[in-house]
Amino acid sequence: MEFSRRLRHFLAIYNSGSLGQAAEEIHITQPALSKSLHQLEDEMGVQLFERTPSGVVPTVYGQALSGHVRIIEAEFRSAEAEIASLRGATKGHLHIGVGPSMAPHLMPQVSLRVSEQKPGITMTIVEGLSSDHIPALRRGDLDLAVGTWPATNDKDLVSENLLTDRVAILASSKHPLCGKRVTLPDLLDYPWILPPHTQRWRNRLDEILLEQGHDLPEPKMTTNSPTLLRSVLMKHNYLSFLPTLCLEDDLKAGLICPLEVEGVDEPIDVMLTYRKRSVVSPVCHAFVEILREVTSKNERYAVRS
């Protein structure tokens, strides 16, 4: 459709900040893209971009339009998926946000199962924090998100308590404290590698220690990389405080152990969050059903429907 094409052209310019780059990305000539933009601006009756020597910058009108266009684009994808389902095929593309603790273990299981059972579904999976994913859901950049963030109060979003994990002090199975009953002061004798304070379980560790009158550990390393964190734990006598899902495979293999520390083992809820209308999409529904199926077969999880 002519109008939908102009909206796609608008988003390409908005995302790239350059007419030339946007034209390359969507495989049309720059004069054709410029003409499309002028036609859209004429229809809207406002200027959507300021032209500068280094590119284009959205005006206040362009900023306002971008939020609506992203939602329109997401709803259009949902409509395409629903029509495909009515024609007898579950087919479409999902944009999924996952939290750091979901990415290493749970999401590979779910996404591979989706690919096997629903070959018509393709996925773009982005790892990030709630500060990334919740705004992306509102904008329509994501269809759904799974992670350890609190339920949202946003009137346009729905949060579902999907499963319960636990946050524990984790160490290598070769660590001197592994298999022993230890106290909080014992933990402070060892180096720590911790996630940044943008991940809420890091803040919870601080709260636990302060509540019990202990000093906070000064981490030798702070990282948001699960790969680096795992490598350091496996090879050295470091400690960390993480959802066990982050290192699920290593826990099952006996390579990582949760330390038994009274008052530190914490439950943490994993939330499924989506826009209110998104889950009616057959593609979203198929993904969520497989997600529930995978978690329900793991005895460690308490699944809530």
C-alpha atoms as a PDB file:
ATOM      1  CA  MET A   1       0.000   0.000   0.000  1.00  0.00           C
ATOM      2  CA  GLU A   2       1.238   3.512  -0.837  1.00  0.00           C
ATOM      3  CA  PHE A   3       0.695   4.928   2.633  1.00  0.00           C
ATOM      4  CA  SER A   4       2.330   2.012   4.441  1.00  0.00           C
ATOM      5  CA  ARG A   5       5.326   2.300   2.109  1.00  0.00           C
ATOM      6  CA  ARG A   6       5.756   5.973   3.027  1.00  0.00           C
ATOM      7  CA  LEU A   7       5.650   5.083   6.702  1.00  0.00           C
ATOM      8  CA  ARG A   8       8.377   2.492   6.201  1.00  0.00           C
ATOM      9  CA  HIS A   9      10.426   5.104   4.368  1.00  0.00           C
ATOM     10  CA  PHE A  10       9.877   7.523   7.257  1.00  0.00           C
ATOM     11  CA  LEU A  11      11.100   4.959   9.820  1.00  0.00           C
ATOM     12  CA  ALA A  12      14.174   4.155   7.754  1.00  0.00           C
ATOM     13  CA  ILE A  13      15.127   7.848   7.694  1.00  0.00           C
ATOM     14  CA  TYR A  14      14.309   8.262  11.389  1.00  0.00           C
ATOM     15  CA  ASN A  15      16.422   5.268  12.427  1.00  0.00           C
ATOM     16  CA  SER A  16      19.443   6.099  10.277  1.00  0.00           C
ATOM     17  CA  GLY A  17      19.463   9.893  10.534  1.00  0.00           C
ATOM     18  CA  SER A  18      20.532  10.055   6.894  1.00  0.00           C
ATOM     19  CA  LEU A  19      18.626  10.053   3.623  1.00  0.00           C
ATOM     20  CA  GLY A  20      21.553   8.434   1.810  1.00  0.00           C
ATOM     21  CA  GLN A  21      21.992   5.632   4.338  1.00  0.00           C
ATOM     22  CA  ALA A  22      18.249   5.020   4.567  1.00  0.00           C
ATOM     23  CA  ALA A  23      18.005   4.788   0.773  1.00  0.00           C
ATOM     24  CA  GLU A  24      20.773   2.162   0.726  1.00  0.00           C
ATOM     25  CA  GLU A  25      19.138   0.131   3.490  1.00  0.00           C
ATOM     26  CA  ILE A  26      15.740  -0.068   1.801  1.00  0.00           C
ATOM     27  CA  HIS A  27      17.186  -0.362  -1.720  1.00  0.00           C
ATOM     28  CA  ILE A  28      15.730   2.697  -3.422  1.00  0.00           C
ATOM     29  CA  THR A  29      17.368   5.798  -4.851  1.00  0.00           C
ATOM     30  CA  GLN A  30      17.874   8.836  -2.651  1.00  0.00           C
ATOM     31  CA  PRO A  31      15.749  11.100  -4.912  1.00  0.00           C
ATOM     32  CA  ALA A  32      12.885   8.571  -4.696  1.00  0.00           C
ATOM     33  CA  LEU A  33      13.177   8.450  -0.905  1.00  0.00           C
ATOM     34  CA  SER A  34      13.307  12.243  -0.681  1.00  0.00           C
ATOM     35  CA  LYS A  35      10.169  12.475  -2.836  1.00  0.00           C
ATOM     36  CA  SER A  36       8.370   9.957  -0.596  1.00  0.00           C
ATOM     37  CA  LEU A  37       9.300  11.989   2.489  1.00  0.00           C
ATOM     38  CA  HIS A  38       8.073  15.238   0.907  1.00  0.00           C
ATOM     39  CA  GLN A  39       4.751  13.562   0.029  1.00  0.00           C
ATOM     40  CA  LEU A  40       4.333  12.365   3.622  1.00  0.00           C
ATOM     41  CA  GLU A  41       5.193  15.826   4.968  1.00  0.00           C
ATOM     42  CA  ASP A  42       2.632  17.356   2.583  1.00  0.00           C
ATOM     43  CA  GLU A  43      -0.025  14.906   3.818  1.00  0.00           C
ATOM     44  CA  MET A  44       0.812  15.652   7.457  1.00  0.00           C
ATOM     45  CA  GLY A  45       1.075  19.374   6.853  1.00  0.00           C
ATOM     46  CA  VAL A  46       4.284  19.658   8.898  1.00  0.00           C
ATOM     47  CA  GLN A  47       8.026  19.279   8.463  1.00  0.00           C
ATOM     48  CA  LEU A  48       9.156  15.955   9.921  1.00  0.00           C
ATOM     49  CA  PHE A  49      12.936  16.403   9.697  1.00  0.00           C
ATOM     50  CA  GLU A  50      15.429  19.244   9.890  1.00  0.00           C
ATOM     51  CA  ARG A  51      18.133  18.964   7.215  1.00  0.00           C
ATOM     52  CA  THR A  52      21.670  19.502   8.579  1.00  0.00           C
ATOM     53  CA  PRO A  53      25.154  19.171   7.011  1.00  0.00           C
ATOM     54  CA  SER A  54      25.623  15.836   8.814  1.00  0.00           C
ATOM     55  CA  GLY A  55      22.211  14.348   8.036  1.00  0.00           C
ATOM     56  CA  VAL A  56      18.633  14.815   9.209  1.00  0.00           C
ATOM     57  CA  VAL A  57      17.214  15.341  12.701  1.00  0.00           C
ATOM     58  CA  PRO A  58      13.545  14.687  13.544  1.00  0.00           C
ATOM     59  CA  THR A  59      11.454  17.720  14.442  1.00  0.00           C
ATOM     60  CA  VAL A  60       9.001  17.583  17.331  1.00  0.00           C
ATOM     61  CA  TYR A  61       6.432  16.394  14.761  1.00  0.00           C
ATOM     62  CA  GLY A  62       8.765  13.665  13.535  1.00  0.00           C
ATOM     63  CA  GLN A  63       9.363  12.515  17.109  1.00  0.00           C
ATOM     64  CA  ALA A  64       5.627  12.324  17.747  1.00  0.00           C
ATOM     65  CA  LEU A  65       4.934  10.450  14.511  1.00  0.00           C
ATOM     66  CA  SER A  66       7.682   7.886  15.129  1.00  0.00           C
ATOM     67  CA  GLY A  67       6.001   6.459  18.231  1.00  0.00           C
ATOM     68  CA  HIS A  68       2.716   5.925  16.411  1.00  0.00           C
ATOM     69  CA  VAL A  69       4.361   4.496  13.296  1.00  0.00           C
ATOM     70  CA  ARG A  70       6.251   1.874  15.317  1.00  0.00           C
ATOM     71  CA  ILE A  71       3.004   0.709  16.901  1.00  0.00           C
ATOM     72  CA  ILE A  72       1.294   0.660  13.487  1.00  0.00           C
ATOM     73  CA  GLU A  73       4.146  -1.439  12.106  1.00  0.00           C
ATOM     74  CA  ALA A  74       3.913  -3.895  15.019  1.00  0.00           C
ATOM     75  CA  GLU A  75       0.133  -4.192  14.665  1.00  0.00           C
ATOM     76  CA  PHE A  76       0.517  -4.704  10.908  1.00  0.00           C
ATOM     77  CA  ARG A  77       2.883  -7.631  11.597  1.00  0.00           C
ATOM     78  CA  SER A  78       0.328  -9.021  14.043  1.00  0.00           C
ATOM     79  CA  ALA A  79      -2.456  -8.675  11.469  1.00  0.00           C
ATOM     80  CA  GLU A  80      -0.367 -10.467   8.840  1.00  0.00           C
ATOM     81  CA  ALA A  81       0.281 -13.312  11.294  1.00  0.00           C
ATOM     82  CA  GLU A  82      -3.402 -13.604  12.209  1.00  0.00           C
ATOM     83  CA  ILE A  83      -4.470 -13.706   8.559  1.00  0.00           C
ATOM     84  CA  ALA A  84      -1.839 -16.379   7.865  1.00  0.00           C
ATOM     85  CA  SER A  85      -3.207 -18.395  10.785  1.00  0.00           C
ATOM     86  CA  LEU A  86      -6.769 -18.118   9.469  1.00  0.00           C
ATOM     87  CA  ARG A  87      -5.451 -19.473   6.180  1.00  0.00           C
ATOM     88  CA  GLY A  88      -4.087 -22.503   8.036  1.00  0.00           C
ATOM     89  CA  ALA A  89      -0.462 -21.515   8.651  1.00  0.00           C
ATOM     90  CA  THR A  90       1.229 -20.149  11.769  1.00  0.00           C
ATOM     91  CA  LYS A  91       3.659 -17.860  10.040  1.00  0.00           C
ATOM     92  CA  GLY A  92       5.304 -14.584  10.953  1.00  0.00           C
ATOM     93  CA  HIS A  93       8.235 -12.869  12.616  1.00  0.00           C
ATOM     94  CA  LEU A  94       8.604 -12.131  16.333  1.00  0.00           C
ATOM     95  CA  HIS A  95      10.807  -9.534  18.009  1.00  0.00           C
ATOM     96  CA  ILE A  96      11.607 -10.840  21.499  1.00  0.00           C
ATOM     97  CA  GLY A  97      13.469  -9.165  24.347  1.00  0.00           C
ATOM     98  CA  VAL A  98      15.135 -11.347  26.980  1.00  0.00           C
ATOM     99  CA  GLY A  99      16.820 -10.536  30.267  1.00  0.00           C
ATOM    100  CA  PRO A 100      20.428 -11.611  30.912  1.00  0.00           C
ATOM    101  CA  SER A 101      19.433 -14.605  33.054  1.00  0.00           C
ATOM    102  CA  MET A 102      17.095 -15.922  30.327  1.00  0.00           C
ATOM    103  CA  ALA A 103      19.584 -15.792  27.463  1.00  0.00           C
ATOM    104  CA  PRO A 104      22.079 -18.579  28.316  1.00  0.00           C
ATOM    105  CA  HIS A 105      19.717 -21.476  29.073  1.00  0.00           C
ATOM    106  CA  LEU A 106      15.967 -20.941  28.864  1.00  0.00           C
ATOM    107  CA  MET A 107      15.702 -19.012  25.600  1.00  0.00           C
ATOM    108  CA  PRO A 108      17.820 -21.416  23.509  1.00  0.00           C
ATOM    109  CA  GLN A 109      15.493 -24.254  24.569  1.00  0.00           C
ATOM    110  CA  VAL A 110      12.376 -22.269  23.763  1.00  0.00           C
ATOM    111  CA  SER A 111      13.553 -20.771  20.467  1.00  0.00           C
ATOM    112  CA  LEU A 112      14.829 -24.119  19.155  1.00  0.00           C
ATOM    113  CA  ARG A 113      11.544 -25.798  20.099  1.00  0.00           C
ATOM    114  CA  VAL A 114       9.617 -23.033  18.305  1.00  0.00           C
ATOM    115  CA  SER A 115      11.761 -23.507  15.185  1.00  0.00           C
ATOM    116  CA  GLU A 116      11.109 -27.261  15.227  1.00  0.00           C
ATOM    117  CA  GLN A 117       7.379 -27.169  15.959  1.00  0.00           C
ATOM    118  CA  LYS A 118       6.466 -23.957  14.111  1.00  0.00           C
ATOM    119  CA  PRO A 119       8.846 -23.640  11.143  1.00  0.00           C
ATOM    120  CA  GLY A 120       6.865 -20.703   9.780  1.00  0.00           C
ATOM    121  CA  ILE A 121       7.897 -18.532  12.744  1.00  0.00           C
ATOM    122  CA  THR A 122      11.157 -16.596  12.594  1.00  0.00           C
ATOM    123  CA  MET A 123      12.566 -14.655  15.552  1.00  0.00           C
ATOM    124  CA  THR A 124      14.832 -11.746  16.348  1.00  0.00           C
ATOM    125  CA  ILE A 125      15.970 -12.133  19.978  1.00  0.00           C
ATOM    126  CA  VAL A 126      17.586  -9.189  21.748  1.00  0.00           C
ATOM    127  CA  GLU A 127      19.255  -9.409  25.174  1.00  0.00           C
ATOM    128  CA  GLY A 128      18.911  -6.442  27.508  1.00  0.00           C
ATOM    129  CA  LEU A 129      17.483  -5.033  30.730  1.00  0.00           C
ATOM    130  CA  SER A 130      13.978  -3.865  31.580  1.00  0.00           C
ATOM    131  CA  SER A 131      15.180  -0.303  30.983  1.00  0.00           C
ATOM    132  CA  ASP A 132      15.726  -1.376  27.355  1.00  0.00           C
ATOM    133  CA  HIS A 133      12.821  -3.734  26.828  1.00  0.00           C
ATOM    134  CA  ILE A 134       9.854  -1.972  28.440  1.00  0.00           C
ATOM    135  CA  PRO A 135      10.233   1.196  26.309  1.00  0.00           C
ATOM    136  CA  ALA A 136      10.820  -1.018  23.246  1.00  0.00           C
ATOM    137  CA  LEU A 137       7.538  -2.840  23.941  1.00  0.00           C
ATOM    138  CA  ARG A 138       5.703   0.472  24.204  1.00  0.00           C
ATOM    139  CA  ARG A 139       7.203   1.654  20.905  1.00  0.00           C
ATOM    140  CA  GLY A 140       6.291  -1.587  19.147  1.00  0.00           C
ATOM    141  CA  ASP A 141       9.926  -2.548  18.545  1.00  0.00           C
ATOM    142  CA  LEU A 142       9.350  -5.752  20.555  1.00  0.00           C
ATOM    143  CA  ASP A 143       6.367  -8.100  20.540  1.00  0.00           C
ATOM    144  CA  LEU A 144       7.078  -9.560  23.968  1.00  0.00           C
ATOM    145  CA  ALA A 145       9.816  -9.733  26.589  1.00  0.00           C
ATOM    146  CA  VAL A 146      10.886 -12.286  29.207  1.00  0.00           C
ATOM    147  CA  GLY A 147      13.012 -11.340  32.200  1.00  0.00           C
ATOM    148  CA  THR A 148      13.396 -10.848  35.947  1.00  0.00           C
ATOM    149  CA  TRP A 149      11.850  -7.402  36.212  1.00  0.00           C
ATOM    150  CA  PRO A 150       8.891  -6.285  38.348  1.00  0.00           C
ATOM    151  CA  ALA A 151       5.364  -6.303  36.961  1.00  0.00           C
ATOM    152  CA  THR A 152       4.693  -3.167  34.958  1.00  0.00           C
ATOM    153  CA  ASN A 153       2.032  -0.606  35.848  1.00  0.00           C
ATOM    154  CA  ASP A 154       1.808   0.545  32.231  1.00  0.00           C
ATOM    155  CA  LYS A 155      -1.827   0.593  31.101  1.00  0.00           C
ATOM    156  CA  ASP A 156      -0.804  -0.527  27.603  1.00  0.00           C
ATOM    157  CA  LEU A 157       1.263  -3.526  28.771  1.00  0.00           C
ATOM    158  CA  VAL A 158       0.455  -6.811  30.492  1.00  0.00           C
ATOM    159  CA  SER A 159       2.836  -8.618  32.864  1.00  0.00           C
ATOM    160  CA  GLU A 160       2.347 -12.299  33.590  1.00  0.00           C
ATOM    161  CA  ASN A 161       4.173 -14.080  36.392  1.00  0.00           C
ATOM    162  CA  LEU A 162       5.600 -16.920  34.353  1.00  0.00           C
ATOM    163  CA  LEU A 163       7.895 -18.839  36.707  1.00  0.00           C
ATOM    164  CA  THR A 164       9.991 -18.529  39.839  1.00  0.00           C
ATOM    165  CA  ASP A 165      13.759 -18.878  39.855  1.00  0.00           C
ATOM    166  CA  ARG A 166      16.111 -18.395  42.785  1.00  0.00           C
ATOM    167  CA  VAL A 167      19.007 -16.022  43.234  1.00  0.00           C
ATOM    168  CA  ALA A 168      21.920 -17.591  45.086  1.00  0.00           C
ATOM    169  CA  ILE A 169      25.592 -17.182  45.894  1.00  0.00           C
ATOM    170  CA  LEU A 170      27.309 -19.167  43.125  1.00  0.00           C
ATOM    171  CA  ALA A 171      30.851 -20.506  42.965  1.00  0.00           C
ATOM    172  CA  SER A 172      32.908 -23.144  41.202  1.00  0.00           C
ATOM    173  CA  SER A 173      32.363 -26.684  42.477  1.00  0.00           C
ATOM    174  CA  LYS A 174      36.082 -26.588  43.363  1.00  0.00           C
ATOM    175  CA  HIS A 175      35.668 -23.513  45.561  1.00  0.00           C
ATOM    176  CA  PRO A 176      36.747 -24.052  49.211  1.00  0.00           C
ATOM    177  CA  LEU A 177      33.247 -23.116  50.444  1.00  0.00           C
ATOM    178  CA  CYS A 178      31.353 -25.445  48.102  1.00  0.00           C
ATOM    179  CA  GLY A 179      29.376 -28.072  50.012  1.00  0.00           C
ATOM    180  CA  LYS A 180      29.879 -26.371  53.367  1.00  0.00           C
ATOM    181  CA  ARG A 181      27.471 -24.504  55.589  1.00  0.00           C
ATOM    182  CA  VAL A 182      28.839 -20.968  55.544  1.00  0.00           C
ATOM    183  CA  THR A 183      28.004 -17.610  57.086  1.00  0.00           C
ATOM    184  CA  LEU A 184      27.860 -14.187  55.502  1.00  0.00           C
ATOM    185  CA  PRO A 185      31.221 -13.124  57.014  1.00  0.00           C
ATOM    186  CA  ASP A 186      32.839 -16.186  55.372  1.00  0.00           C
ATOM    187  CA  LEU A 187      31.833 -14.813  51.962  1.00  0.00           C
ATOM    188  CA  LEU A 188      33.656 -11.546  52.479  1.00  0.00           C
ATOM    189  CA  ASP A 189      37.038 -13.312  52.554  1.00  0.00           C
ATOM    190  CA  TYR A 190      36.810 -14.092  48.817  1.00  0.00           C
ATOM    191  CA  PRO A 191      36.844 -11.930  45.676  1.00  0.00           C
ATOM    192  CA  TRP A 192      33.555 -11.177  43.928  1.00  0.00           C
ATOM    193  CA  ILE A 193      32.458 -10.746  40.331  1.00  0.00           C
ATOM    194  CA  LEU A 194      29.038  -9.108  40.214  1.00  0.00           C
ATOM    195  CA  PRO A 195      26.564  -7.682  37.709  1.00  0.00           C
ATOM    196  CA  PRO A 196      26.120  -3.888  37.675  1.00  0.00           C
ATOM    197  CA  HIS A 197      23.565  -2.155  39.889  1.00  0.00           C
ATOM    198  CA  THR A 198      21.251  -1.891  36.880  1.00  0.00           C
ATOM    199  CA  GLN A 199      20.409  -5.555  37.561  1.00  0.00           C
ATOM    200  CA  ARG A 200      18.131  -5.640  40.564  1.00  0.00           C
ATOM    201  CA  TRP A 201      19.531  -8.746  42.246  1.00  0.00           C
ATOM    202  CA  ARG A 202      22.823  -6.875  42.678  1.00  0.00           C
ATOM    203  CA  ASN A 203      20.935  -4.293  44.730  1.00  0.00           C
ATOM    204  CA  ARG A 204      19.201  -7.077  46.648  1.00  0.00           C
ATOM    205  CA  LEU A 205      22.574  -8.508  47.739  1.00  0.00           C
ATOM    206  CA  ASP A 206      23.515  -5.101  49.130  1.00  0.00           C
ATOM    207  CA  GLU A 207      20.199  -4.948  50.996  1.00  0.00           C
ATOM    208  CA  ILE A 208      20.677  -8.410  52.540  1.00  0.00           C
ATOM    209  CA  LEU A 209      24.158  -7.605  53.798  1.00  0.00           C
ATOM    210  CA  LEU A 210      23.159  -4.206  55.191  1.00  0.00           C
ATOM    211  CA  GLU A 211      20.066  -5.665  56.889  1.00  0.00           C
ATOM    212  CA  GLN A 212      22.302  -8.145  58.717  1.00  0.00           C
ATOM    213  CA  GLY A 213      24.907  -5.551  59.636  1.00  0.00           C
ATOM    214  CA  HIS A 214      27.676  -6.620  57.256  1.00  0.00           C
ATOM    215  CA  ASP A 215      29.911  -4.592  54.991  1.00  0.00           C
ATOM    216  CA  LEU A 216      29.236  -4.680  51.279  1.00  0.00           C
ATOM    217  CA  PRO A 217      31.721  -6.648  49.170  1.00  0.00           C
ATOM    218  CA  GLU A 218      33.868  -4.519  46.904  1.00  0.00           C
ATOM    219  CA  PRO A 219      33.751  -6.517  43.661  1.00  0.00           C
ATOM    220  CA  LYS A 220      37.037  -7.101  41.906  1.00  0.00           C
ATOM    221  CA  MET A 221      35.060  -7.180  38.674  1.00  0.00           C
ATOM    222  CA  THR A 222      31.697  -5.792  37.586  1.00  0.00           C
ATOM    223  CA  THR A 223      30.289  -7.092  34.305  1.00  0.00           C
ATOM    224  CA  ASN A 224      27.040  -7.585  32.415  1.00  0.00           C
ATOM    225  CA  SER A 225      28.630 -10.388  30.363  1.00  0.00           C
ATOM    226  CA  PRO A 226      27.413 -13.877  31.373  1.00  0.00           C
ATOM    227  CA  THR A 227      30.289 -15.401  29.374  1.00  0.00           C
ATOM    228  CA  LEU A 228      32.978 -13.494  31.280  1.00  0.00           C
ATOM    229  CA  LEU A 229      31.278 -14.091  34.604  1.00  0.00           C
ATOM    230  CA  ARG A 230      31.043 -17.830  33.998  1.00  0.00           C
ATOM    231  CA  SER A 231      34.681 -18.065  32.918  1.00  0.00           C
ATOM    232  CA  VAL A 232      35.921 -16.279  36.047  1.00  0.00           C
ATOM    233  CA  LEU A 233      33.781 -18.421  38.372  1.00  0.00           C
ATOM    234  CA  MET A 234      34.881 -21.651  36.705  1.00  0.00           C
ATOM    235  CA  LYS A 235      38.613 -20.923  36.845  1.00  0.00           C
ATOM    236  CA  HIS A 236      39.058 -18.970  40.077  1.00  0.00           C
ATOM    237  CA  ASN A 237      37.795 -18.802  43.665  1.00  0.00           C
ATOM    238  CA  TYR A 238      35.410 -15.945  42.934  1.00  0.00           C
ATOM    239  CA  LEU A 239      31.831 -15.625  44.174  1.00  0.00           C
ATOM    240  CA  SER A 240      28.777 -14.138  42.485  1.00  0.00           C
ATOM    241  CA  PHE A 241      25.088 -13.554  43.243  1.00  0.00           C
ATOM    242  CA  LEU A 242      22.878 -14.529  40.323  1.00  0.00           C
ATOM    243  CA  PRO A 243      19.639 -16.193  39.267  1.00  0.00           C
ATOM    244  CA  THR A 244      20.492 -19.876  38.889  1.00  0.00           C
ATOM    245  CA  LEU A 245      19.028 -19.829  35.371  1.00  0.00           C
ATOM    246  CA  CYS A 246      22.127 -17.907  34.276  1.00  0.00           C
ATOM    247  CA  LEU A 247      24.305 -20.978  34.816  1.00  0.00           C
ATOM    248  CA  GLU A 248      21.693 -23.728  34.643  1.00  0.00           C
ATOM    249  CA  ASP A 249      23.706 -26.123  32.484  1.00  0.00           C
ATOM    250  CA  ASP A 250      26.796 -25.795  34.695  1.00  0.00           C
ATOM    251  CA  LEU A 251      24.711 -26.392  37.826  1.00  0.00           C
ATOM    252  CA  LYS A 252      23.247 -29.556  36.315  1.00  0.00           C
ATOM    253  CA  ALA A 253      26.718 -30.744  35.303  1.00  0.00           C
ATOM    254  CA  GLY A 254      28.074 -30.122  38.803  1.00  0.00           C
ATOM    255  CA  LEU A 255      30.563 -27.509  37.606  1.00  0.00           C
ATOM    256  CA  ILE A 256      28.964 -24.655  39.556  1.00  0.00           C
ATOM    257  CA  CYS A 257      27.462 -24.948  43.021  1.00  0.00           C
ATOM    258  CA  PRO A 258      25.069 -22.719  44.978  1.00  0.00           C
ATOM    259  CA  LEU A 259      26.487 -22.001  48.429  1.00  0.00           C
ATOM    260  CA  GLU A 260      24.309 -22.746  51.439  1.00  0.00           C
ATOM    261  CA  VAL A 261      24.102 -19.379  53.187  1.00  0.00           C
ATOM    262  CA  GLU A 262      21.215 -18.759  55.578  1.00  0.00           C
ATOM    263  CA  GLY A 263      19.108 -15.755  54.638  1.00  0.00           C
ATOM    264  CA  VAL A 264      20.671 -15.245  51.217  1.00  0.00           C
ATOM    265  CA  ASP A 265      18.811 -17.653  48.927  1.00  0.00           C
ATOM    266  CA  GLU A 266      16.151 -15.435  47.309  1.00  0.00           C
ATOM    267  CA  PRO A 267      13.184 -16.298  45.074  1.00  0.00           C
ATOM    268  CA  ILE A 268      12.877 -14.154  41.964  1.00  0.00           C
ATOM    269  CA  ASP A 269       9.936 -14.047  39.580  1.00  0.00           C
ATOM    270  CA  VAL A 270      10.404 -14.234  35.838  1.00  0.00           C
ATOM    271  CA  MET A 271       7.899 -12.077  34.014  1.00  0.00           C
ATOM    272  CA  LEU A 272       6.419 -12.353  30.546  1.00  0.00           C
ATOM    273  CA  THR A 273       5.467  -8.855  29.352  1.00  0.00           C
ATOM    274  CA  TYR A 274       3.643  -7.884  26.176  1.00  0.00           C
ATOM    275  CA  ARG A 275       1.361  -5.221  24.758  1.00  0.00           C
ATOM    276  CA  LYS A 276      -2.280  -5.827  25.568  1.00  0.00           C
ATOM    277  CA  ARG A 277      -3.227  -6.745  22.007  1.00  0.00           C
ATOM    278  CA  SER A 278      -0.050  -8.618  21.051  1.00  0.00           C
ATOM    279  CA  VAL A 279      -0.785 -11.953  22.656  1.00  0.00           C
ATOM    280  CA  VAL A 280      -3.892 -12.400  20.467  1.00  0.00           C
ATOM    281  CA  SER A 281      -1.510 -12.824  17.540  1.00  0.00           C
ATOM    282  CA  PRO A 282      -1.335 -16.539  16.669  1.00  0.00           C
ATOM    283  CA  VAL A 283       2.439 -16.245  16.336  1.00  0.00           C
ATOM    284  CA  CYS A 284       2.797 -14.728  19.815  1.00  0.00           C
ATOM    285  CA  HIS A 285       0.362 -17.278  21.201  1.00  0.00           C
ATOM    286  CA  ALA A 286       2.338 -20.178  19.696  1.00  0.00           C
ATOM    287  CA  PHE A 287       5.589 -18.857  21.159  1.00  0.00           C
ATOM    288  CA  VAL A 288       4.087 -18.341  24.625  1.00  0.00           C
ATOM    289  CA  GLU A 289       2.542 -21.824  24.654  1.00  0.00           C
ATOM    290  CA  ILE A 290       5.916 -23.404  23.876  1.00  0.00           C
ATOM    291  CA  LEU A 291       7.563 -21.208  26.521  1.00  0.00           C
ATOM    292  CA  ARG A 292       5.088 -22.522  29.100  1.00  0.00           C
ATOM    293  CA  GLU A 293       5.587 -26.093  27.899  1.00  0.00           C
ATOM    294  CA  VAL A 294       9.373 -25.882  28.306  1.00  0.00           C
ATOM    295  CA  THR A 295       9.185 -24.405  31.807  1.00  0.00           C
ATOM    296  CA  SER A 296       6.483 -26.811  32.996  1.00  0.00           C
ATOM    297  CA  LYS A 297       8.710 -29.814  32.224  1.00  0.00           C
ATOM    298  CA  ASN A 298      11.493 -28.530  34.462  1.00  0.00           C
ATOM    299  CA  GLU A 299      10.873 -29.454  38.099  1.00  0.00           C
ATOM    300  CA  ARG A 300      12.877 -26.454  39.303  1.00  0.00           C
ATOM    301  CA  TYR A 301      10.277 -24.008  38.101  1.00  0.00           C
ATOM    302  CA  ALA A 302       6.957 -23.185  39.664  1.00  0.00           C
ATOM    303  CA  VAL A 303       4.846 -22.308  36.646  1.00  0.00           C
ATOM    304  CA  ARG A 304       1.880 -20.037  37.082  1.00  0.00           C
ATOM    305  CA  SER A 305      -0.754 -19.718  34.409  1.00  0.00           C
END
